[in-house]
Amino acid sequence: MASNPLRGGAGGSLYGGAAPYRSRDGLSTRTGAGSEEIQLRIDPMHSDLDDEITGLHGQVRQLKNIAKEIGSEAQFQKNFLDELQVTLMRAQAGVKNNIKKLNLSIIRSGNNHVMHVVLFALLCFFILYMWSKMFKR
């Protein structure tokens, strides 16, 4: 078998003399009977790893539930916005239709409304003129 430098064989170690599978202070490796076997020994001082794993599992479960709630809220808001967009499109079509109807009614009635406004303004000026002549004495 050829030696594997990642496993600390005869080719040299990339880990600076440290055990290649060492991840925490409480873990150390020993070579087993075969070159592929590894024995893992956990110091009793660091035996609370199970509690940490259980705590992390609970936190992962909480994060999973939060992610599901965020997903359902995002779906609800997407549906709401889609309904709002449809409602706005209907309102816009209604307003456009009413504007067309108003334009048609203005065209049919002609320019009589301008004449009515001018006559009303002349009547108001005449009333003000007469009122000012009566109370000027």
Protein backbone atom coordinates (compact mmCIF):
# COMPACT_ATOMS: atom_id res chain seq x y z
CA MET A 1 0.00 0.00 0.00
CA ALA A 2 1.17 3.49 -0.76
CA SER A 3 1.35 5.88 2.16
CA ASN A 4 -1.24 8.65 2.33
CA PRO A 5 0.18 12.03 3.42
CA LEU A 6 -3.25 13.10 4.72
CA ARG A 7 -3.23 10.20 7.18
CA GLY A 8 0.21 10.98 8.54
CA GLY A 9 2.04 8.13 6.83
CA ALA A 10 5.67 7.89 5.92
CA GLY A 11 5.27 10.58 3.28
CA GLY A 12 5.04 13.28 5.96
CA SER A 13 2.25 14.99 7.86
CA LEU A 14 0.38 18.05 6.69
CA TYR A 15 -0.83 18.75 10.21
CA GLY A 16 2.45 19.84 11.74
CA GLY A 17 2.94 16.79 13.93
CA ALA A 18 -0.58 16.87 15.40
CA ALA A 19 -2.95 13.95 15.14
CA PRO A 20 -4.73 14.20 11.78
CA TYR A 21 -8.27 13.69 13.12
CA ARG A 22 -8.01 15.88 16.18
CA SER A 23 -10.86 18.40 16.37
CA ARG A 24 -11.17 19.35 20.05
CA ASP A 25 -9.09 19.18 23.20
CA GLY A 26 -11.06 16.19 24.46
CA LEU A 27 -10.49 14.06 21.36
CA SER A 28 -7.34 12.20 20.42
CA THR A 29 -6.63 9.43 17.93
CA ARG A 30 -4.70 6.22 18.19
CA THR A 31 -3.79 4.00 15.31
CA GLY A 32 -5.53 0.67 15.38
CA ALA A 33 -4.39 -2.74 14.25
CA GLY A 34 -5.00 -1.94 10.58
CA SER A 35 -3.80 1.20 8.83
CA GLU A 36 -7.39 2.17 7.97
CA GLU A 37 -8.77 1.81 11.52
CA ILE A 38 -8.93 4.70 13.95
CA GLN A 39 -9.77 4.49 17.61
CA LEU A 40 -11.30 7.58 19.16
CA ARG A 41 -10.85 8.27 22.87
CA ILE A 42 -12.94 10.94 24.63
CA ASP A 43 -11.57 12.43 27.83
CA PRO A 44 -14.03 12.19 30.74
CA MET A 45 -13.53 15.92 31.39
CA HIS A 46 -15.27 16.70 28.09
CA SER A 47 -18.10 14.18 28.44
CA ASP A 48 -20.82 16.82 28.07
CA LEU A 49 -20.69 16.49 24.25
CA ASP A 50 -24.01 14.60 24.29
CA ASP A 51 -25.64 17.53 26.06
CA GLU A 52 -24.19 19.95 23.53
CA ILE A 53 -25.39 17.77 20.64
CA THR A 54 -28.87 17.59 22.17
CA GLY A 55 -28.90 21.37 22.62
CA LEU A 56 -27.77 21.90 19.03
CA HIS A 57 -30.44 19.46 17.83
CA GLY A 58 -33.08 21.52 19.65
CA GLN A 59 -31.77 24.73 18.14
CA VAL A 60 -31.79 23.20 14.65
CA ARG A 61 -35.39 22.10 15.20
CA GLN A 62 -36.33 25.65 16.28
CA LEU A 63 -34.61 27.12 13.22
CA LYS A 64 -36.42 24.62 11.00
CA ASN A 65 -39.78 25.63 12.50
CA ILE A 66 -38.95 29.34 12.07
CA ALA A 67 -37.97 28.73 8.44
CA LYS A 68 -41.29 26.93 7.84
CA GLU A 69 -43.20 29.83 9.42
CA ILE A 70 -41.28 32.35 7.29
CA GLY A 71 -42.09 30.30 4.19
CA SER A 72 -45.80 30.15 5.00
CA GLU A 73 -45.88 33.90 5.75
CA ALA A 74 -44.11 34.65 2.45
CA GLN A 75 -46.63 32.47 0.59
CA PHE A 76 -49.54 34.25 2.32
CA GLN A 77 -48.16 37.68 1.41
CA LYS A 78 -47.54 36.56 -2.19
CA ASN A 79 -51.14 35.41 -2.50
CA PHE A 80 -52.37 38.66 -0.93
CA LEU A 81 -50.31 40.75 -3.35
CA ASP A 82 -51.58 38.73 -6.31
CA GLU A 83 -55.19 39.35 -5.23
CA LEU A 84 -54.44 43.04 -4.69
CA GLN A 85 -52.91 43.31 -8.15
CA VAL A 86 -56.01 41.73 -9.72
CA THR A 87 -58.25 44.13 -7.77
CA LEU A 88 -56.20 47.13 -8.89
CA MET A 89 -56.34 46.00 -12.51
CA ARG A 90 -60.13 45.74 -12.28
CA ALA A 91 -60.36 49.20 -10.69
CA GLN A 92 -58.10 50.66 -13.36
CA ALA A 93 -60.26 49.14 -16.11
CA GLY A 94 -63.39 50.58 -14.43
CA VAL A 95 -61.88 54.07 -14.20
CA LYS A 96 -60.76 53.93 -17.82
CA ASN A 97 -64.25 52.86 -18.88
CA ASN A 98 -65.87 55.70 -16.90
CA ILE A 99 -63.50 58.26 -18.43
CA LYS A 100 -64.49 57.06 -21.90
CA LYS A 101 -68.17 57.44 -20.99
CA LEU A 102 -67.60 60.97 -19.65
CA ASN A 103 -65.74 61.98 -22.79
CA LEU A 104 -68.57 60.64 -24.95
CA SER A 105 -71.19 62.52 -22.92
CA ILE A 106 -69.18 65.76 -23.19
CA ILE A 107 -68.90 65.35 -26.95
CA ARG A 108 -72.65 64.63 -27.27
CA SER A 109 -73.70 67.62 -25.17
CA GLY A 110 -71.47 70.00 -27.11
CA ASN A 111 -70.01 73.27 -25.79
CA ASN A 112 -73.13 74.48 -23.94
CA HIS A 113 -71.42 74.13 -20.59
CA VAL A 114 -68.93 76.92 -21.43
CA MET A 115 -71.78 79.25 -22.36
CA HIS A 116 -73.56 78.45 -19.09
CA VAL A 117 -70.42 79.25 -17.07
CA VAL A 118 -69.96 82.61 -18.87
CA LEU A 119 -73.62 83.55 -18.34
CA PHE A 120 -73.40 82.65 -14.64
CA ALA A 121 -70.28 84.80 -14.24
CA LEU A 122 -71.99 87.78 -15.96
CA LEU A 123 -75.04 87.38 -13.72
CA CYS A 124 -72.82 87.36 -10.60
CA PHE A 125 -70.98 90.52 -11.72
CA PHE A 126 -74.30 92.24 -12.48
CA ILE A 127 -75.68 91.37 -9.03
CA LEU A 128 -72.50 92.62 -7.34
CA TYR A 129 -72.62 95.83 -9.39
CA MET A 130 -76.23 96.52 -8.46
CA TRP A 131 -75.58 95.68 -4.82
CA SER A 132 -72.61 98.06 -4.67
CA LYS A 133 -74.73 100.90 -6.27
CA MET A 134 -77.58 100.38 -3.79
CA PHE A 135 -75.44 100.50 -0.63
CA LYS A 136 -73.01 103.23 -1.77
CA ARG A 137 -75.19 106.17 -0.67
